[in-house]
Amino acid sequence: MDIPKTYLEYLNKRRPAFGGVNERQELVQRFTDKINAERVGTRFQPATWGQVNGLVRRVKGAALYRLFGECAASDSFSKRFFWLAKQMKK
């Protein structure tokens, strides 16, 4: 899969700067960006912030950081994220 090297920079430039963002919102946005970076060039549509937030709505702050680290350490960020999100629903 070809992911442009500048995809995350492109997203940061495109995203409007607004104040009042808390730590959790930034982390959910990082999840969304990483998932969408893997979806470039595939048949999957980009995930929205609301979809990702809905999947991790019950996860507290420290656990959310651990989840991000575990997903980042795996071979495929999005596969690991969605597998772990499915396990959390049970």
PDB file of N, CA and C in Angstrom:
ATOM      1  N   MET A   1       0.851  -1.162   0.000  1.00  0.00           N
ATOM      2  CA  MET A   1       0.000   0.000   0.000  1.00  0.00           C
ATOM      3  C   MET A   1       0.897   1.225   0.000  1.00  0.00           C
ATOM      4  N   ASP A   2       0.610   2.182  -0.868  1.00  0.00           N
ATOM      5  CA  ASP A   2       1.382   3.407  -0.953  1.00  0.00           C
ATOM      6  C   ASP A   2       0.712   4.507  -0.157  1.00  0.00           C
ATOM      7  N   ILE A   3       1.350   4.900   0.929  1.00  0.00           N
ATOM      8  CA  ILE A   3       0.865   6.015   1.733  1.00  0.00           C
ATOM      9  C   ILE A   3       1.819   7.177   1.496  1.00  0.00           C
ATOM     10  N   PRO A   4       1.301   8.300   1.058  1.00  0.00           N
ATOM     11  CA  PRO A   4       2.187   9.442   0.856  1.00  0.00           C
ATOM     12  C   PRO A   4       2.878   9.831   2.163  1.00  0.00           C
ATOM     13  N   LYS A   5       4.158  10.133   2.077  1.00  0.00           N
ATOM     14  CA  LYS A   5       4.935  10.478   3.269  1.00  0.00           C
ATOM     15  C   LYS A   5       4.421  11.749   3.934  1.00  0.00           C
ATOM     16  N   THR A   6       3.811  12.612   3.155  1.00  0.00           N
ATOM     17  CA  THR A   6       3.371  13.903   3.685  1.00  0.00           C
ATOM     18  C   THR A   6       1.891  13.926   4.037  1.00  0.00           C
ATOM     19  N   TYR A   7       1.254  12.771   4.144  1.00  0.00           N
ATOM     20  CA  TYR A   7      -0.189  12.733   4.387  1.00  0.00           C
ATOM     21  C   TYR A   7      -0.565  13.383   5.709  1.00  0.00           C
ATOM     22  N   LEU A   8       0.180  13.066   6.793  1.00  0.00           N
ATOM     23  CA  LEU A   8      -0.164  13.636   8.098  1.00  0.00           C
ATOM     24  C   LEU A   8       0.099  15.139   8.129  1.00  0.00           C
ATOM     25  N   GLU A   9       1.167  15.608   7.432  1.00  0.00           N
ATOM     26  CA  GLU A   9       1.401  17.052   7.357  1.00  0.00           C
ATOM     27  C   GLU A   9       0.277  17.735   6.589  1.00  0.00           C
ATOM     28  N   TYR A  10      -0.200  17.064   5.530  1.00  0.00           N
ATOM     29  CA  TYR A  10      -1.316  17.603   4.747  1.00  0.00           C
ATOM     30  C   TYR A  10      -2.560  17.752   5.625  1.00  0.00           C
ATOM     31  N   LEU A  11      -2.822  16.757   6.458  1.00  0.00           N
ATOM     32  CA  LEU A  11      -3.987  16.828   7.336  1.00  0.00           C
ATOM     33  C   LEU A  11      -3.850  17.967   8.340  1.00  0.00           C
ATOM     34  N   ASN A  12      -2.664  18.140   8.891  1.00  0.00           N
ATOM     35  CA  ASN A  12      -2.457  19.205   9.865  1.00  0.00           C
ATOM     36  C   ASN A  12      -2.600  20.584   9.240  1.00  0.00           C
ATOM     37  N   LYS A  13      -2.180  20.758   8.001  1.00  0.00           N
ATOM     38  CA  LYS A  13      -2.341  22.042   7.326  1.00  0.00           C
ATOM     39  C   LYS A  13      -3.801  22.297   6.991  1.00  0.00           C
ATOM     40  N   ARG A  14      -4.515  21.254   6.624  1.00  0.00           N
ATOM     41  CA  ARG A  14      -5.905  21.368   6.208  1.00  0.00           C
ATOM     42  C   ARG A  14      -6.834  21.635   7.384  1.00  0.00           C
ATOM     43  N   ARG A  15      -6.488  21.111   8.547  1.00  0.00           N
ATOM     44  CA  ARG A  15      -7.341  21.216   9.724  1.00  0.00           C
ATOM     45  C   ARG A  15      -7.305  22.647  10.269  1.00  0.00           C
ATOM     46  N   PRO A  16      -8.462  23.251  10.486  1.00  0.00           N
ATOM     47  CA  PRO A  16      -8.462  24.614  11.030  1.00  0.00           C
ATOM     48  C   PRO A  16      -7.985  24.618  12.482  1.00  0.00           C
ATOM     49  N   ALA A  17      -7.270  25.656  12.838  1.00  0.00           N
ATOM     50  CA  ALA A  17      -6.791  25.795  14.211  1.00  0.00           C
ATOM     51  C   ALA A  17      -7.900  26.426  15.050  1.00  0.00           C
ATOM     52  N   PHE A  18      -8.261  25.775  16.137  1.00  0.00           N
ATOM     53  CA  PHE A  18      -9.277  26.333  17.021  1.00  0.00           C
ATOM     54  C   PHE A  18      -8.872  26.039  18.459  1.00  0.00           C
ATOM     55  N   GLY A  19      -9.270  26.897  19.345  1.00  0.00           N
ATOM     56  CA  GLY A  19      -8.900  26.756  20.746  1.00  0.00           C
ATOM     57  C   GLY A  19      -9.868  25.866  21.491  1.00  0.00           C
ATOM     58  N   GLY A  20      -9.556  25.606  22.728  1.00  0.00           N
ATOM     59  CA  GLY A  20     -10.454  24.843  23.572  1.00  0.00           C
ATOM     60  C   GLY A  20     -10.408  23.342  23.357  1.00  0.00           C
ATOM     61  N   VAL A  21      -9.342  22.843  22.761  1.00  0.00           N
ATOM     62  CA  VAL A  21      -9.233  21.410  22.532  1.00  0.00           C
ATOM     63  C   VAL A  21      -8.586  20.780  23.753  1.00  0.00           C
ATOM     64  N   ASN A  22      -9.226  19.741  24.267  1.00  0.00           N
ATOM     65  CA  ASN A  22      -8.634  19.093  25.432  1.00  0.00           C
ATOM     66  C   ASN A  22      -7.758  17.918  24.992  1.00  0.00           C
ATOM     67  N   GLU A  23      -7.117  17.310  25.951  1.00  0.00           N
ATOM     68  CA  GLU A  23      -6.144  16.251  25.682  1.00  0.00           C
ATOM     69  C   GLU A  23      -6.799  15.034  25.029  1.00  0.00           C
ATOM     70  N   ARG A  24      -7.988  14.693  25.482  1.00  0.00           N
ATOM     71  CA  ARG A  24      -8.677  13.535  24.915  1.00  0.00           C
ATOM     72  C   ARG A  24      -9.039  13.776  23.456  1.00  0.00           C
ATOM     73  N   GLN A  25      -9.508  14.967  23.117  1.00  0.00           N
ATOM     74  CA  GLN A  25      -9.865  15.278  21.740  1.00  0.00           C
ATOM     75  C   GLN A  25      -8.645  15.188  20.826  1.00  0.00           C
ATOM     76  N   GLU A  26      -7.501  15.668  21.310  1.00  0.00           N
ATOM     77  CA  GLU A  26      -6.278  15.569  20.523  1.00  0.00           C
ATOM     78  C   GLU A  26      -5.890  14.121  20.289  1.00  0.00           C
ATOM     79  N   LEU A  27      -6.028  13.291  21.314  1.00  0.00           N
ATOM     80  CA  LEU A  27      -5.658  11.884  21.183  1.00  0.00           C
ATOM     81  C   LEU A  27      -6.598  11.152  20.228  1.00  0.00           C
ATOM     82  N   VAL A  28      -7.890  11.432  20.315  1.00  0.00           N
ATOM     83  CA  VAL A  28      -8.842  10.817  19.379  1.00  0.00           C
ATOM     84  C   VAL A  28      -8.536  11.272  17.954  1.00  0.00           C
ATOM     85  N   GLN A  29      -8.124  12.525  17.785  1.00  0.00           N
ATOM     86  CA  GLN A  29      -7.751  13.010  16.465  1.00  0.00           C
ATOM     87  C   GLN A  29      -6.507  12.296  15.950  1.00  0.00           C
ATOM     88  N   ARG A  30      -5.555  11.994  16.839  1.00  0.00           N
ATOM     89  CA  ARG A  30      -4.364  11.236  16.427  1.00  0.00           C
ATOM     90  C   ARG A  30      -4.748   9.835  15.980  1.00  0.00           C
ATOM     91  N   PHE A  31      -5.685   9.184  16.708  1.00  0.00           N
ATOM     92  CA  PHE A  31      -6.191   7.877  16.283  1.00  0.00           C
ATOM     93  C   PHE A  31      -6.791   7.983  14.882  1.00  0.00           C
ATOM     94  N   THR A  32      -7.638   8.980  14.679  1.00  0.00           N
ATOM     95  CA  THR A  32      -8.318   9.157  13.399  1.00  0.00           C
ATOM     96  C   THR A  32      -7.314   9.378  12.274  1.00  0.00           C
ATOM     97  N   ASP A  33      -6.310  10.202  12.508  1.00  0.00           N
ATOM     98  CA  ASP A  33      -5.305  10.476  11.485  1.00  0.00           C
ATOM     99  C   ASP A  33      -4.520   9.228  11.115  1.00  0.00           C
ATOM    100  N   LYS A  34      -4.113   8.449  12.114  1.00  0.00           N
ATOM    101  CA  LYS A  34      -3.340   7.231  11.841  1.00  0.00           C
ATOM    102  C   LYS A  34      -4.184   6.198  11.097  1.00  0.00           C
ATOM    103  N   ILE A  35      -5.446   6.053  11.479  1.00  0.00           N
ATOM    104  CA  ILE A  35      -6.323   5.103  10.783  1.00  0.00           C
ATOM    105  C   ILE A  35      -6.523   5.540   9.338  1.00  0.00           C
ATOM    106  N   ASN A  36      -6.771   6.829   9.133  1.00  0.00           N
ATOM    107  CA  ASN A  36      -7.004   7.324   7.779  1.00  0.00           C
ATOM    108  C   ASN A  36      -5.745   7.287   6.926  1.00  0.00           C
ATOM    109  N   ALA A  37      -4.583   7.405   7.533  1.00  0.00           N
ATOM    110  CA  ALA A  37      -3.336   7.308   6.782  1.00  0.00           C
ATOM    111  C   ALA A  37      -3.176   5.913   6.180  1.00  0.00           C
ATOM    112  N   GLU A  38      -3.628   4.894   6.904  1.00  0.00           N
ATOM    113  CA  GLU A  38      -3.560   3.527   6.388  1.00  0.00           C
ATOM    114  C   GLU A  38      -4.640   3.250   5.350  1.00  0.00           C
ATOM    115  N   ARG A  39      -5.690   4.035   5.344  1.00  0.00           N
ATOM    116  CA  ARG A  39      -6.798   3.799   4.416  1.00  0.00           C
ATOM    117  C   ARG A  39      -6.610   4.467   3.055  1.00  0.00           C
ATOM    118  N   VAL A  40      -5.569   5.278   2.901  1.00  0.00           N
ATOM    119  CA  VAL A  40      -5.315   5.937   1.621  1.00  0.00           C
ATOM    120  C   VAL A  40      -5.016   4.868   0.578  1.00  0.00           C
ATOM    121  N   GLY A  41      -5.699   4.938  -0.542  1.00  0.00           N
ATOM    122  CA  GLY A  41      -5.479   3.990  -1.623  1.00  0.00           C
ATOM    123  C   GLY A  41      -6.196   2.659  -1.459  1.00  0.00           C
ATOM    124  N   THR A  42      -7.075   2.548  -0.476  1.00  0.00           N
ATOM    125  CA  THR A  42      -7.850   1.324  -0.301  1.00  0.00           C
ATOM    126  C   THR A  42      -9.307   1.607  -0.638  1.00  0.00           C
ATOM    127  N   ARG A  43     -10.126   0.582  -0.532  1.00  0.00           N
ATOM    128  CA  ARG A  43     -11.544   0.761  -0.836  1.00  0.00           C
ATOM    129  C   ARG A  43     -12.325   1.340   0.348  1.00  0.00           C
ATOM    130  N   PHE A  44     -11.673   1.482   1.496  1.00  0.00           N
ATOM    131  CA  PHE A  44     -12.340   1.974   2.686  1.00  0.00           C
ATOM    132  C   PHE A  44     -12.406   3.493   2.700  1.00  0.00           C
ATOM    133  N   GLN A  45     -13.537   4.023   3.155  1.00  0.00           N
ATOM    134  CA  GLN A  45     -13.689   5.466   3.285  1.00  0.00           C
ATOM    135  C   GLN A  45     -12.960   5.935   4.548  1.00  0.00           C
ATOM    136  N   PRO A  46     -12.551   7.200   4.593  1.00  0.00           N
ATOM    137  CA  PRO A  46     -11.889   7.699   5.802  1.00  0.00           C
ATOM    138  C   PRO A  46     -12.826   7.633   7.011  1.00  0.00           C
ATOM    139  N   ALA A  47     -12.255   7.286   8.147  1.00  0.00           N
ATOM    140  CA  ALA A  47     -13.022   7.259   9.386  1.00  0.00           C
ATOM    141  C   ALA A  47     -13.195   8.689   9.880  1.00  0.00           C
ATOM    142  N   THR A  48     -14.335   8.962  10.480  1.00  0.00           N
ATOM    143  CA  THR A  48     -14.578  10.292  11.026  1.00  0.00           C
ATOM    144  C   THR A  48     -14.198  10.309  12.502  1.00  0.00           C
ATOM    145  N   TRP A  49     -14.029  11.519  13.017  1.00  0.00           N
ATOM    146  CA  TRP A  49     -13.674  11.685  14.416  1.00  0.00           C
ATOM    147  C   TRP A  49     -14.761  11.087  15.306  1.00  0.00           C
ATOM    148  N   GLY A  50     -16.007  11.288  14.944  1.00  0.00           N
ATOM    149  CA  GLY A  50     -17.121  10.773  15.736  1.00  0.00           C
ATOM    150  C   GLY A  50     -17.167   9.260  15.789  1.00  0.00           C
ATOM    151  N   GLN A  51     -16.827   8.608  14.677  1.00  0.00           N
ATOM    152  CA  GLN A  51     -16.806   7.147  14.672  1.00  0.00           C
ATOM    153  C   GLN A  51     -15.740   6.608  15.621  1.00  0.00           C
ATOM    154  N   VAL A  52     -14.558   7.184  15.544  1.00  0.00           N
ATOM    155  CA  VAL A  52     -13.464   6.727  16.408  1.00  0.00           C
ATOM    156  C   VAL A  52     -13.778   7.041  17.865  1.00  0.00           C
ATOM    157  N   ASN A  53     -14.303   8.224  18.126  1.00  0.00           N
ATOM    158  CA  ASN A  53     -14.655   8.593  19.492  1.00  0.00           C
ATOM    159  C   ASN A  53     -15.736   7.671  20.041  1.00  0.00           C
ATOM    160  N   GLY A  54     -16.672   7.257  19.219  1.00  0.00           N
ATOM    161  CA  GLY A  54     -17.711   6.338  19.661  1.00  0.00           C
ATOM    162  C   GLY A  54     -17.155   4.986  20.072  1.00  0.00           C
ATOM    163  N   LEU A  55     -16.086   4.557  19.400  1.00  0.00           N
ATOM    164  CA  LEU A  55     -15.489   3.263  19.727  1.00  0.00           C
ATOM    165  C   LEU A  55     -14.699   3.297  21.039  1.00  0.00           C
ATOM    166  N   VAL A  56     -14.146   4.462  21.377  1.00  0.00           N
ATOM    167  CA  VAL A  56     -13.320   4.554  22.586  1.00  0.00           C
ATOM    168  C   VAL A  56     -13.975   5.401  23.673  1.00  0.00           C
ATOM    169  N   ARG A  57     -15.276   5.573  23.612  1.00  0.00           N
ATOM    170  CA  ARG A  57     -15.947   6.487  24.541  1.00  0.00           C
ATOM    171  C   ARG A  57     -15.869   6.032  25.991  1.00  0.00           C
ATOM    172  N   ARG A  58     -15.737   4.750  26.234  1.00  0.00           N
ATOM    173  CA  ARG A  58     -15.692   4.259  27.617  1.00  0.00           C
ATOM    174  C   ARG A  58     -14.269   4.137  28.158  1.00  0.00           C
ATOM    175  N   VAL A  59     -13.272   4.396  27.314  1.00  0.00           N
ATOM    176  CA  VAL A  59     -11.882   4.240  27.721  1.00  0.00           C
ATOM    177  C   VAL A  59     -11.411   5.527  28.392  1.00  0.00           C
ATOM    178  N   LYS A  60     -10.813   5.400  29.559  1.00  0.00           N
ATOM    179  CA  LYS A  60     -10.314   6.563  30.300  1.00  0.00           C
ATOM    180  C   LYS A  60      -8.981   7.031  29.719  1.00  0.00           C
ATOM    181  N   GLY A  61      -8.511   8.182  30.160  1.00  0.00           N
ATOM    182  CA  GLY A  61      -7.340   8.845  29.594  1.00  0.00           C
ATOM    183  C   GLY A  61      -6.073   8.009  29.556  1.00  0.00           C
ATOM    184  N   ALA A  62      -5.642   7.477  30.698  1.00  0.00           N
ATOM    185  CA  ALA A  62      -4.398   6.710  30.747  1.00  0.00           C
ATOM    186  C   ALA A  62      -4.496   5.449  29.897  1.00  0.00           C
ATOM    187  N   ALA A  63      -5.637   4.800  29.928  1.00  0.00           N
ATOM    188  CA  ALA A  63      -5.828   3.594  29.122  1.00  0.00           C
ATOM    189  C   ALA A  63      -5.844   3.933  27.635  1.00  0.00           C
ATOM    190  N   LEU A  64      -6.309   5.133  27.304  1.00  0.00           N
ATOM    191  CA  LEU A  64      -6.330   5.563  25.905  1.00  0.00           C
ATOM    192  C   LEU A  64      -4.908   5.747  25.379  1.00  0.00           C
ATOM    193  N   TYR A  65      -4.019   6.260  26.224  1.00  0.00           N
ATOM    194  CA  TYR A  65      -2.611   6.390  25.835  1.00  0.00           C
ATOM    195  C   TYR A  65      -1.971   5.017  25.648  1.00  0.00           C
ATOM    196  N   ARG A  66      -2.280   4.071  26.541  1.00  0.00           N
ATOM    197  CA  ARG A  66      -1.761   2.714  26.394  1.00  0.00           C
ATOM    198  C   ARG A  66      -2.281   2.068  25.120  1.00  0.00           C
ATOM    199  N   LEU A  67      -3.556   2.291  24.820  1.00  0.00           N
ATOM    200  CA  LEU A  67      -4.155   1.760  23.593  1.00  0.00           C
ATOM    201  C   LEU A  67      -3.447   2.320  22.363  1.00  0.00           C
ATOM    202  N   PHE A  68      -3.168   3.621  22.361  1.00  0.00           N
ATOM    203  CA  PHE A  68      -2.476   4.237  21.237  1.00  0.00           C
ATOM    204  C   PHE A  68      -1.074   3.653  21.079  1.00  0.00           C
ATOM    205  N   GLY A  69      -0.371   3.481  22.193  1.00  0.00           N
ATOM    206  CA  GLY A  69       0.978   2.906  22.135  1.00  0.00           C
ATOM    207  C   GLY A  69       0.976   1.481  21.626  1.00  0.00           C
ATOM    208  N   GLU A  70      -0.004   0.702  22.071  1.00  0.00           N
ATOM    209  CA  GLU A  70      -0.088  -0.690  21.622  1.00  0.00           C
ATOM    210  C   GLU A  70      -0.403  -0.771  20.132  1.00  0.00           C
ATOM    211  N   CYS A  71      -1.292   0.096  19.666  1.00  0.00           N
ATOM    212  CA  CYS A  71      -1.631   0.109  18.240  1.00  0.00           C
ATOM    213  C   CYS A  71      -0.454   0.588  17.402  1.00  0.00           C
ATOM    214  N   ALA A  72       0.273   1.578  17.898  1.00  0.00           N
ATOM    215  CA  ALA A  72       1.421   2.113  17.161  1.00  0.00           C
ATOM    216  C   ALA A  72       2.549   1.086  17.075  1.00  0.00           C
ATOM    217  N   ALA A  73       2.677   0.233  18.074  1.00  0.00           N
ATOM    218  CA  ALA A  73       3.740  -0.767  18.085  1.00  0.00           C
ATOM    219  C   ALA A  73       3.433  -1.959  17.178  1.00  0.00           C
ATOM    220  N   SER A  74       2.188  -2.124  16.783  1.00  0.00           N
ATOM    221  CA  SER A  74       1.820  -3.270  15.951  1.00  0.00           C
ATOM    222  C   SER A  74       2.143  -2.994  14.480  1.00  0.00           C
ATOM    223  N   ASP A  75       2.058  -4.039  13.663  1.00  0.00           N
ATOM    224  CA  ASP A  75       2.347  -3.908  12.232  1.00  0.00           C
ATOM    225  C   ASP A  75       1.304  -3.056  11.522  1.00  0.00           C
ATOM    226  N   SER A  76       0.056  -3.232  11.874  1.00  0.00           N
ATOM    227  CA  SER A  76      -1.030  -2.478  11.255  1.00  0.00           C
ATOM    228  C   SER A  76      -1.812  -1.759  12.349  1.00  0.00           C
ATOM    229  N   PHE A  77      -1.707  -0.432  12.378  1.00  0.00           N
ATOM    230  CA  PHE A  77      -2.354   0.365  13.416  1.00  0.00           C
ATOM    231  C   PHE A  77      -3.858   0.133  13.430  1.00  0.00           C
ATOM    232  N   SER A  78      -4.495   0.227  12.261  1.00  0.00           N
ATOM    233  CA  SER A  78      -5.958   0.160  12.219  1.00  0.00           C
ATOM    234  C   SER A  78      -6.485  -1.240  12.537  1.00  0.00           C
ATOM    235  N   LYS A  79      -5.795  -2.279  12.064  1.00  0.00           N
ATOM    236  CA  LYS A  79      -6.250  -3.637  12.379  1.00  0.00           C
ATOM    237  C   LYS A  79      -6.217  -3.877  13.885  1.00  0.00           C
ATOM    238  N   ARG A  80      -5.124  -3.457  14.503  1.00  0.00           N
ATOM    239  CA  ARG A  80      -4.997  -3.637  15.947  1.00  0.00           C
ATOM    240  C   ARG A  80      -6.038  -2.804  16.690  1.00  0.00           C
ATOM    241  N   PHE A  81      -6.255  -1.564  16.253  1.00  0.00           N
ATOM    242  CA  PHE A  81      -7.217  -0.685  16.907  1.00  0.00           C
ATOM    243  C   PHE A  81      -8.621  -1.288  16.863  1.00  0.00           C
ATOM    244  N   PHE A  82      -9.051  -1.711  15.678  1.00  0.00           N
ATOM    245  CA  PHE A  82     -10.415  -2.233  15.566  1.00  0.00           C
ATOM    246  C   PHE A  82     -10.572  -3.570  16.279  1.00  0.00           C
ATOM    247  N   TRP A  83      -9.512  -4.384  16.324  1.00  0.00           N
ATOM    248  CA  TRP A  83      -9.588  -5.630  17.070  1.00  0.00           C
ATOM    249  C   TRP A  83      -9.733  -5.343  18.564  1.00  0.00           C
ATOM    250  N   LEU A  84      -8.922  -4.401  19.078  1.00  0.00           N
ATOM    251  CA  LEU A  84      -9.015  -4.053  20.493  1.00  0.00           C
ATOM    252  C   LEU A  84     -10.353  -3.380  20.830  1.00  0.00           C
ATOM    253  N   ALA A  85     -10.859  -2.550  19.919  1.00  0.00           N
ATOM    254  CA  ALA A  85     -12.153  -1.919  20.151  1.00  0.00           C
ATOM    255  C   ALA A  85     -13.267  -2.958  20.222  1.00  0.00           C
ATOM    256  N   LYS A  86     -13.156  -3.988  19.397  1.00  0.00           N
ATOM    257  CA  LYS A  86     -14.152  -5.067  19.420  1.00  0.00           C
ATOM    258  C   LYS A  86     -14.074  -5.824  20.749  1.00  0.00           C
ATOM    259  N   GLN A  87     -12.867  -6.033  21.258  1.00  0.00           N
ATOM    260  CA  GLN A  87     -12.694  -6.731  22.536  1.00  0.00           C
ATOM    261  C   GLN A  87     -13.242  -5.904  23.692  1.00  0.00           C
ATOM    262  N   MET A  88     -13.143  -4.570  23.605  1.00  0.00           N
ATOM    263  CA  MET A  88     -13.630  -3.708  24.673  1.00  0.00           C
ATOM    264  C   MET A  88     -15.151  -3.701  24.753  1.00  0.00           C
ATOM    265  N   LYS A  89     -15.822  -3.949  23.640  1.00  0.00           N
ATOM    266  CA  LYS A  89     -17.290  -3.952  23.625  1.00  0.00           C
ATOM    267  C   LYS A  89     -17.864  -5.131  24.384  1.00  0.00           C
ATOM    268  N   LYS A  90     -17.111  -6.234  24.468  1.00  0.00           N
ATOM    269  CA  LYS A  90     -17.614  -7.442  25.101  1.00  0.00           C
ATOM    270  C   LYS A  90     -17.671  -7.310  26.598  1.00  0.00           C
TER     271      LYS A  90
END
